[in-house]
PDB file of N, CA and C in Angstrom:
ATOM      1  N   MET A   1     -16.153  26.717  -5.612  1.00  0.00           N
ATOM      2  CA  MET A   1     -16.305  25.377  -5.097  1.00  0.00           C
ATOM      3  C   MET A   1     -15.178  25.105  -4.105  1.00  0.00           C
ATOM      4  N   LYS A   2     -15.504  24.519  -3.000  1.00  0.00           N
ATOM      5  CA  LYS A   2     -14.545  24.239  -1.954  1.00  0.00           C
ATOM      6  C   LYS A   2     -13.783  22.953  -2.274  1.00  0.00           C
ATOM      7  N   ALA A   3     -12.468  22.978  -2.092  1.00  0.00           N
ATOM      8  CA  ALA A   3     -11.639  21.796  -2.360  1.00  0.00           C
ATOM      9  C   ALA A   3     -11.899  20.729  -1.296  1.00  0.00           C
ATOM     10  N   PRO A   4     -11.817  19.449  -1.689  1.00  0.00           N
ATOM     11  CA  PRO A   4     -12.029  18.379  -0.708  1.00  0.00           C
ATOM     12  C   PRO A   4     -10.901  18.392   0.321  1.00  0.00           C
ATOM     13  N   PRO A   5     -11.178  17.949   1.549  1.00  0.00           N
ATOM     14  CA  PRO A   5     -10.132  17.943   2.568  1.00  0.00           C
ATOM     15  C   PRO A   5      -9.032  16.960   2.194  1.00  0.00           C
ATOM     16  N   ALA A   6      -7.835  17.289   2.598  1.00  0.00           N
ATOM     17  CA  ALA A   6      -6.689  16.424   2.317  1.00  0.00           C
ATOM     18  C   ALA A   6      -6.696  15.231   3.267  1.00  0.00           C
ATOM     19  N   ILE A   7      -6.190  14.147   2.794  1.00  0.00           N
ATOM     20  CA  ILE A   7      -6.025  12.950   3.608  1.00  0.00           C
ATOM     21  C   ILE A   7      -4.534  12.859   3.913  1.00  0.00           C
ATOM     22  N   PHE A   8      -4.177  12.768   5.177  1.00  0.00           N
ATOM     23  CA  PHE A   8      -2.775  12.739   5.541  1.00  0.00           C
ATOM     24  C   PHE A   8      -2.317  11.309   5.803  1.00  0.00           C
ATOM     25  N   LEU A   9      -1.139  11.010   5.309  1.00  0.00           N
ATOM     26  CA  LEU A   9      -0.563   9.685   5.469  1.00  0.00           C
ATOM     27  C   LEU A   9       0.871   9.867   5.925  1.00  0.00           C
ATOM     28  N   SER A  10       1.198   9.312   7.068  1.00  0.00           N
ATOM     29  CA  SER A  10       2.572   9.402   7.558  1.00  0.00           C
ATOM     30  C   SER A  10       3.177   8.021   7.608  1.00  0.00           C
ATOM     31  N   ILE A  11       4.397   7.945   7.161  1.00  0.00           N
ATOM     32  CA  ILE A  11       5.130   6.700   7.221  1.00  0.00           C
ATOM     33  C   ILE A  11       5.963   6.729   8.501  1.00  0.00           C
ATOM     34  N   LEU A  12       5.582   5.911   9.459  1.00  0.00           N
ATOM     35  CA  LEU A  12       6.291   5.868  10.727  1.00  0.00           C
ATOM     36  C   LEU A  12       6.818   4.457  10.926  1.00  0.00           C
ATOM     37  N   LEU A  13       8.098   4.336  10.915  1.00  0.00           N
ATOM     38  CA  LEU A  13       8.724   3.033  11.099  1.00  0.00           C
ATOM     39  C   LEU A  13       9.560   3.110  12.374  1.00  0.00           C
ATOM     40  N   LEU A  14       8.947   2.747  13.486  1.00  0.00           N
ATOM     41  CA  LEU A  14       9.589   2.925  14.774  1.00  0.00           C
ATOM     42  C   LEU A  14      10.466   1.742  15.168  1.00  0.00           C
ATOM     43  N   ALA A  15      10.314   0.622  14.495  1.00  0.00           N
ATOM     44  CA  ALA A  15      11.056  -0.572  14.864  1.00  0.00           C
ATOM     45  C   ALA A  15      12.393  -0.651  14.129  1.00  0.00           C
ATOM     46  N   THR A  16      13.030   0.487  13.917  1.00  0.00           N
ATOM     47  CA  THR A  16      14.305   0.543  13.215  1.00  0.00           C
ATOM     48  C   THR A  16      15.424   0.175  14.186  1.00  0.00           C
ATOM     49  N   PRO A  17      16.342  -0.695  13.778  1.00  0.00           N
ATOM     50  CA  PRO A  17      17.465  -1.041  14.666  1.00  0.00           C
ATOM     51  C   PRO A  17      18.287   0.197  15.021  1.00  0.00           C
ATOM     52  N   THR A  18      18.902   0.195  16.197  1.00  0.00           N
ATOM     53  CA  THR A  18      19.692   1.330  16.665  1.00  0.00           C
ATOM     54  C   THR A  18      20.785   1.712  15.684  1.00  0.00           C
ATOM     55  N   TRP A  19      21.482   0.753  15.094  1.00  0.00           N
ATOM     56  CA  TRP A  19      22.568   1.049  14.163  1.00  0.00           C
ATOM     57  C   TRP A  19      22.070   1.765  12.918  1.00  0.00           C
ATOM     58  N   ALA A  20      20.801   1.604  12.564  1.00  0.00           N
ATOM     59  CA  ALA A  20      20.274   2.210  11.347  1.00  0.00           C
ATOM     60  C   ALA A  20      19.741   3.614  11.576  1.00  0.00           C
ATOM     61  N   ARG A  21      19.562   4.037  12.823  1.00  0.00           N
ATOM     62  CA  ARG A  21      18.982   5.358  13.101  1.00  0.00           C
ATOM     63  C   ARG A  21      19.928   6.503  12.784  1.00  0.00           C
ATOM     64  N   SER A  22      21.209   6.242  12.690  1.00  0.00           N
ATOM     65  CA  SER A  22      22.172   7.306  12.445  1.00  0.00           C
ATOM     66  C   SER A  22      22.226   7.728  10.985  1.00  0.00           C
ATOM     67  N   ARG A  23      21.615   6.970  10.092  1.00  0.00           N
ATOM     68  CA  ARG A  23      21.616   7.333   8.669  1.00  0.00           C
ATOM     69  C   ARG A  23      20.226   7.047   8.092  1.00  0.00           C
ATOM     70  N   PRO A  24      19.882   7.697   6.984  1.00  0.00           N
ATOM     71  CA  PRO A  24      18.575   7.447   6.375  1.00  0.00           C
ATOM     72  C   PRO A  24      18.417   5.975   5.991  1.00  0.00           C
ATOM     73  N   VAL A  25      17.243   5.434   6.255  1.00  0.00           N
ATOM     74  CA  VAL A  25      16.958   4.047   5.930  1.00  0.00           C
ATOM     75  C   VAL A  25      15.882   4.028   4.855  1.00  0.00           C
ATOM     76  N   GLU A  26      16.243   3.515   3.694  1.00  0.00           N
ATOM     77  CA  GLU A  26      15.313   3.478   2.568  1.00  0.00           C
ATOM     78  C   GLU A  26      14.295   2.360   2.754  1.00  0.00           C
ATOM     79  N   ARG A  27      13.079   2.624   2.305  1.00  0.00           N
ATOM     80  CA  ARG A  27      12.004   1.639   2.351  1.00  0.00           C
ATOM     81  C   ARG A  27      11.234   1.679   1.037  1.00  0.00           C
ATOM     82  N   ALA A  28      10.863   0.523   0.540  1.00  0.00           N
ATOM     83  CA  ALA A  28       9.957   0.435  -0.605  1.00  0.00           C
ATOM     84  C   ALA A  28       8.545   0.391  -0.032  1.00  0.00           C
ATOM     85  N   ILE A  29       7.685   1.302  -0.475  1.00  0.00           N
ATOM     86  CA  ILE A  29       6.310   1.318   0.026  1.00  0.00           C
ATOM     87  C   ILE A  29       5.337   1.218  -1.139  1.00  0.00           C
ATOM     88  N   LYS A  30       4.148   0.734  -0.840  1.00  0.00           N
ATOM     89  CA  LYS A  30       3.095   0.599  -1.843  1.00  0.00           C
ATOM     90  C   LYS A  30       1.820   1.173  -1.234  1.00  0.00           C
ATOM     91  N   ILE A  31       1.218   2.104  -1.939  1.00  0.00           N
ATOM     92  CA  ILE A  31      -0.013   2.746  -1.478  1.00  0.00           C
ATOM     93  C   ILE A  31      -1.155   2.258  -2.349  1.00  0.00           C
ATOM     94  N   MET A  32      -2.186   1.705  -1.728  1.00  0.00           N
ATOM     95  CA  MET A  32      -3.370   1.226  -2.438  1.00  0.00           C
ATOM     96  C   MET A  32      -4.449   2.311  -2.358  1.00  0.00           C
ATOM     97  N   ASN A  33      -5.029   2.672  -3.505  1.00  0.00           N
ATOM     98  CA  ASN A  33      -6.098   3.666  -3.523  1.00  0.00           C
ATOM     99  C   ASN A  33      -7.440   2.949  -3.475  1.00  0.00           C
ATOM    100  N   GLU A  34      -8.078   2.995  -2.333  1.00  0.00           N
ATOM    101  CA  GLU A  34      -9.409   2.405  -2.155  1.00  0.00           C
ATOM    102  C   GLU A  34     -10.405   3.499  -1.764  1.00  0.00           C
ATOM    103  N   SER A  35     -10.150   4.721  -2.201  1.00  0.00           N
ATOM    104  CA  SER A  35     -10.957   5.875  -1.794  1.00  0.00           C
ATOM    105  C   SER A  35     -12.231   6.042  -2.616  1.00  0.00           C
ATOM    106  N   GLY A  36     -12.277   5.398  -3.796  1.00  0.00           N
ATOM    107  CA  GLY A  36     -13.424   5.600  -4.671  1.00  0.00           C
ATOM    108  C   GLY A  36     -13.211   6.737  -5.661  1.00  0.00           C
ATOM    109  N   ARG A  37     -12.076   7.422  -5.568  1.00  0.00           N
ATOM    110  CA  ARG A  37     -11.761   8.544  -6.460  1.00  0.00           C
ATOM    111  C   ARG A  37     -10.290   8.492  -6.864  1.00  0.00           C
ATOM    112  N   ARG A  38      -9.953   9.332  -7.848  1.00  0.00           N
ATOM    113  CA  ARG A  38      -8.548   9.500  -8.219  1.00  0.00           C
ATOM    114  C   ARG A  38      -7.859  10.308  -7.122  1.00  0.00           C
ATOM    115  N   VAL A  39      -6.585  10.023  -6.881  1.00  0.00           N
ATOM    116  CA  VAL A  39      -5.838  10.763  -5.875  1.00  0.00           C
ATOM    117  C   VAL A  39      -4.467  11.166  -6.405  1.00  0.00           C
ATOM    118  N   GLU A  40      -3.915  12.203  -5.800  1.00  0.00           N
ATOM    119  CA  GLU A  40      -2.529  12.604  -6.022  1.00  0.00           C
ATOM    120  C   GLU A  40      -1.771  12.352  -4.725  1.00  0.00           C
ATOM    121  N   ILE A  41      -0.512  11.943  -4.854  1.00  0.00           N
ATOM    122  CA  ILE A  41       0.318  11.683  -3.685  1.00  0.00           C
ATOM    123  C   ILE A  41       1.481  12.668  -3.698  1.00  0.00           C
ATOM    124  N   HIS A  42       1.621  13.397  -2.585  1.00  0.00           N
ATOM    125  CA  HIS A  42       2.686  14.394  -2.450  1.00  0.00           C
ATOM    126  C   HIS A  42       3.576  14.031  -1.266  1.00  0.00           C
ATOM    127  N   TRP A  43       4.890  14.171  -1.453  1.00  0.00           N
ATOM    128  CA  TRP A  43       5.833  14.075  -0.350  1.00  0.00           C
ATOM    129  C   TRP A  43       5.891  15.444   0.299  1.00  0.00           C
ATOM    130  N   ILE A  44       5.927  15.500   1.626  1.00  0.00           N
ATOM    131  CA  ILE A  44       6.000  16.762   2.352  1.00  0.00           C
ATOM    132  C   ILE A  44       7.453  17.009   2.747  1.00  0.00           C
ATOM    133  N   HIS A  45       8.045  18.074   2.176  1.00  0.00           N
ATOM    134  CA  HIS A  45       9.436  18.412   2.480  1.00  0.00           C
ATOM    135  C   HIS A  45       9.531  18.730   3.973  1.00  0.00           C
ATOM    136  N   PRO A  46      10.428  18.073   4.716  1.00  0.00           N
ATOM    137  CA  PRO A  46      10.460  18.234   6.171  1.00  0.00           C
ATOM    138  C   PRO A  46      10.880  19.623   6.643  1.00  0.00           C
ATOM    139  N   ASP A  47      11.629  20.361   5.841  1.00  0.00           N
ATOM    140  CA  ASP A  47      12.096  21.684   6.272  1.00  0.00           C
ATOM    141  C   ASP A  47      11.178  22.816   5.837  1.00  0.00           C
ATOM    142  N   THR A  48      10.634  22.710   4.621  1.00  0.00           N
ATOM    143  CA  THR A  48       9.843  23.815   4.077  1.00  0.00           C
ATOM    144  C   THR A  48       8.340  23.562   4.099  1.00  0.00           C
ATOM    145  N   GLY A  49       7.926  22.297   4.245  1.00  0.00           N
ATOM    146  CA  GLY A  49       6.504  21.976   4.179  1.00  0.00           C
ATOM    147  C   GLY A  49       5.974  21.944   2.760  1.00  0.00           C
ATOM    148  N   GLU A  50       6.856  22.168   1.774  1.00  0.00           N
ATOM    149  CA  GLU A  50       6.453  22.143   0.365  1.00  0.00           C
ATOM    150  C   GLU A  50       5.931  20.764  -0.014  1.00  0.00           C
ATOM    151  N   LEU A  51       4.848  20.741  -0.806  1.00  0.00           N
ATOM    152  CA  LEU A  51       4.293  19.492  -1.312  1.00  0.00           C
ATOM    153  C   LEU A  51       4.939  19.185  -2.653  1.00  0.00           C
ATOM    154  N   VAL A  52       5.555  18.008  -2.759  1.00  0.00           N
ATOM    155  CA  VAL A  52       6.248  17.606  -3.976  1.00  0.00           C
ATOM    156  C   VAL A  52       5.486  16.423  -4.571  1.00  0.00           C
ATOM    157  N   LEU A  53       4.896  16.633  -5.757  1.00  0.00           N
ATOM    158  CA  LEU A  53       4.081  15.601  -6.400  1.00  0.00           C
ATOM    159  C   LEU A  53       4.918  14.367  -6.695  1.00  0.00           C
ATOM    160  N   GLN A  54       4.432  13.213  -6.264  1.00  0.00           N
ATOM    161  CA  GLN A  54       5.111  11.942  -6.508  1.00  0.00           C
ATOM    162  C   GLN A  54       4.382  11.120  -7.563  1.00  0.00           C
ATOM    163  N   SER A  55       3.066  11.203  -7.601  1.00  0.00           N
ATOM    164  CA  SER A  55       2.262  10.446  -8.570  1.00  0.00           C
ATOM    165  C   SER A  55       2.050  11.312  -9.796  1.00  0.00           C
ATOM    166  N   THR A  56       2.408  10.799 -10.942  1.00  0.00           N
ATOM    167  CA  THR A  56       2.279  11.575 -12.172  1.00  0.00           C
ATOM    168  C   THR A  56       1.348  10.849 -13.120  1.00  0.00           C
ATOM    169  N   PRO A  57       0.190  11.366 -13.465  1.00  0.00           N
ATOM    170  CA  PRO A  57      -0.417  12.547 -12.851  1.00  0.00           C
ATOM    171  C   PRO A  57      -1.235  12.203 -11.619  1.00  0.00           C
ATOM    172  N   ASP A  58      -1.824  10.995 -11.556  1.00  0.00           N
ATOM    173  CA  ASP A  58      -2.644  10.632 -10.408  1.00  0.00           C
ATOM    174  C   ASP A  58      -2.722   9.115 -10.300  1.00  0.00           C
ATOM    175  N   VAL A  59      -3.374   8.646  -9.227  1.00  0.00           N
ATOM    176  CA  VAL A  59      -3.568   7.212  -8.998  1.00  0.00           C
ATOM    177  C   VAL A  59      -5.064   6.944  -9.053  1.00  0.00           C
ATOM    178  N   LEU A  60      -5.481   6.100  -9.967  1.00  0.00           N
ATOM    179  CA  LEU A  60      -6.897   5.787 -10.139  1.00  0.00           C
ATOM    180  C   LEU A  60      -7.422   4.937  -8.983  1.00  0.00           C
ATOM    181  N   ASN A  61      -8.721   4.999  -8.756  1.00  0.00           N
ATOM    182  CA  ASN A  61      -9.357   4.167  -7.752  1.00  0.00           C
ATOM    183  C   ASN A  61      -9.084   2.694  -8.081  1.00  0.00           C
ATOM    184  N   GLY A  62      -8.696   1.928  -7.084  1.00  0.00           N
ATOM    185  CA  GLY A  62      -8.417   0.511  -7.265  1.00  0.00           C
ATOM    186  C   GLY A  62      -6.987   0.221  -7.685  1.00  0.00           C
ATOM    187  N   ALA A  63      -6.222   1.262  -8.000  1.00  0.00           N
ATOM    188  CA  ALA A  63      -4.834   1.080  -8.430  1.00  0.00           C
ATOM    189  C   ALA A  63      -3.892   1.234  -7.236  1.00  0.00           C
ATOM    190  N   SER A  64      -2.665   0.804  -7.436  1.00  0.00           N
ATOM    191  CA  SER A  64      -1.647   0.970  -6.408  1.00  0.00           C
ATOM    192  C   SER A  64      -0.527   1.850  -6.952  1.00  0.00           C
ATOM    193  N   PHE A  65       0.253   2.395  -6.037  1.00  0.00           N
ATOM    194  CA  PHE A  65       1.369   3.265  -6.404  1.00  0.00           C
ATOM    195  C   PHE A  65       2.558   2.874  -5.539  1.00  0.00           C
ATOM    196  N   ALA A  66       3.654   2.507  -6.180  1.00  0.00           N
ATOM    197  CA  ALA A  66       4.857   2.097  -5.460  1.00  0.00           C
ATOM    198  C   ALA A  66       5.916   3.189  -5.558  1.00  0.00           C
ATOM    199  N   LEU A  67       6.648   3.380  -4.460  1.00  0.00           N
ATOM    200  CA  LEU A  67       7.749   4.321  -4.484  1.00  0.00           C
ATOM    201  C   LEU A  67       8.752   3.961  -3.407  1.00  0.00           C
ATOM    202  N   ASN A  68       9.952   4.470  -3.545  1.00  0.00           N
ATOM    203  CA  ASN A  68      10.973   4.311  -2.520  1.00  0.00           C
ATOM    204  C   ASN A  68      10.961   5.559  -1.665  1.00  0.00           C
ATOM    205  N   SER A  69      11.070   5.363  -0.350  1.00  0.00           N
ATOM    206  CA  SER A  69      11.045   6.479   0.574  1.00  0.00           C
ATOM    207  C   SER A  69      12.047   6.200   1.684  1.00  0.00           C
ATOM    208  N   PHE A  70      12.020   7.021   2.704  1.00  0.00           N
ATOM    209  CA  PHE A  70      12.924   6.862   3.837  1.00  0.00           C
ATOM    210  C   PHE A  70      12.134   6.936   5.133  1.00  0.00           C
ATOM    211  N   VAL A  71      12.654   6.304   6.165  1.00  0.00           N
ATOM    212  CA  VAL A  71      12.035   6.327   7.482  1.00  0.00           C
ATOM    213  C   VAL A  71      11.804   7.775   7.894  1.00  0.00           C
ATOM    214  N   GLY A  72      10.590   8.075   8.360  1.00  0.00           N
ATOM    215  CA  GLY A  72      10.269   9.414   8.836  1.00  0.00           C
ATOM    216  C   GLY A  72       9.660  10.333   7.800  1.00  0.00           C
ATOM    217  N   HIS A  73       9.658   9.946   6.535  1.00  0.00           N
ATOM    218  CA  HIS A  73       9.042  10.792   5.511  1.00  0.00           C
ATOM    219  C   HIS A  73       7.529  10.827   5.705  1.00  0.00           C
ATOM    220  N   SER A  74       6.921  11.958   5.366  1.00  0.00           N
ATOM    221  CA  SER A  74       5.468  12.122   5.457  1.00  0.00           C
ATOM    222  C   SER A  74       4.919  12.443   4.076  1.00  0.00           C
ATOM    223  N   PHE A  75       3.676  12.024   3.856  1.00  0.00           N
ATOM    224  CA  PHE A  75       3.026  12.223   2.572  1.00  0.00           C
ATOM    225  C   PHE A  75       1.633  12.795   2.783  1.00  0.00           C
ATOM    226  N   GLU A  76       1.136  13.513   1.785  1.00  0.00           N
ATOM    227  CA  GLU A  76      -0.240  13.993   1.787  1.00  0.00           C
ATOM    228  C   GLU A  76      -0.907  13.416   0.555  1.00  0.00           C
ATOM    229  N   VAL A  77      -2.100  12.870   0.748  1.00  0.00           N
ATOM    230  CA  VAL A  77      -2.874  12.297  -0.356  1.00  0.00           C
ATOM    231  C   VAL A  77      -4.121  13.149  -0.529  1.00  0.00           C
ATOM    232  N   ASN A  78      -4.334  13.658  -1.747  1.00  0.00           N
ATOM    233  CA  ASN A  78      -5.490  14.511  -2.037  1.00  0.00           C
ATOM    234  C   ASN A  78      -6.410  13.830  -3.042  1.00  0.00           C
ATOM    235  N   GLU A  79      -7.689  13.773  -2.706  1.00  0.00           N
ATOM    236  CA  GLU A  79      -8.679  13.285  -3.669  1.00  0.00           C
ATOM    237  C   GLU A  79      -8.874  14.344  -4.747  1.00  0.00           C
ATOM    238  N   LEU A  80      -9.006  13.906  -5.980  1.00  0.00           N
ATOM    239  CA  LEU A  80      -9.215  14.833  -7.087  1.00  0.00           C
ATOM    240  C   LEU A  80     -10.695  14.901  -7.418  1.00  0.00           C
ATOM    241  N   VAL A  81     -11.177  16.099  -7.606  1.00  0.00           N
ATOM    242  CA  VAL A  81     -12.576  16.332  -7.930  1.00  0.00           C
ATOM    243  C   VAL A  81     -12.798  16.073  -9.414  1.00  0.00           C
ATOM    244  N   ARG A  82     -13.889  15.419  -9.727  1.00  0.00           N
ATOM    245  CA  ARG A  82     -14.234  15.165 -11.124  1.00  0.00           C
ATOM    246  C   ARG A  82     -14.680  16.471 -11.759  1.00  0.00           C
ATOM    247  N   VAL A  83     -14.099  16.772 -12.897  1.00  0.00           N
ATOM    248  CA  VAL A  83     -14.431  18.016 -13.618  1.00  0.00           C
ATOM    249  C   VAL A  83     -15.284  17.670 -14.822  1.00  0.00           C
ATOM    250  N   ILE A  84     -16.423  18.341 -14.951  1.00  0.00           N
ATOM    251  CA  ILE A  84     -17.300  18.149 -16.095  1.00  0.00           C
ATOM    252  C   ILE A  84     -17.327  19.445 -16.878  1.00  0.00           C
ATOM    253  N   ILE A  85     -17.037  19.350 -18.155  1.00  0.00           N
ATOM    254  CA  ILE A  85     -17.056  20.532 -19.025  1.00  0.00           C
ATOM    255  C   ILE A  85     -18.301  20.451 -19.899  1.00  0.00           C
ATOM    256  N   TRP A  86     -19.092  21.483 -19.827  1.00  0.00           N
ATOM    257  CA  TRP A  86     -20.331  21.526 -20.624  1.00  0.00           C
ATOM    258  C   TRP A  86     -20.102  22.378 -21.870  1.00  0.00           C
ATOM    259  N   ASP A  87     -20.510  21.874 -23.000  1.00  0.00           N
ATOM    260  CA  ASP A  87     -20.486  22.650 -24.231  1.00  0.00           C
ATOM    261  C   ASP A  87     -21.915  23.005 -24.579  1.00  0.00           C
ATOM    262  N   PHE A  88     -22.195  24.299 -24.630  1.00  0.00           N
ATOM    263  CA  PHE A  88     -23.536  24.751 -25.004  1.00  0.00           C
ATOM    264  C   PHE A  88     -23.460  25.290 -26.428  1.00  0.00           C
ATOM    265  N   VAL A  89     -24.253  24.718 -27.289  1.00  0.00           N
ATOM    266  CA  VAL A  89     -24.253  25.128 -28.698  1.00  0.00           C
ATOM    267  C   VAL A  89     -25.507  25.897 -28.992  1.00  0.00           C
TER     268      VAL A  89
END
């Protein structure tokens, strides 16, 4: 079975004051899941591209997820496929 395509979400805060650009600027963000499915949210490490799970374990449809981040951080949001286990007796 083919995995669903990833949904990419980038946090771009371009209106940062000049004095704040020299150091990381923390931001509180809230992500609303209106996809119709459960999702996982991963932070993308800027140097390695490694996906680091932020939502444990997932965010349900209609729920929100809050986290602290920094200007320029990028995230990947993946829809989770519903798994059905059949028991044949």
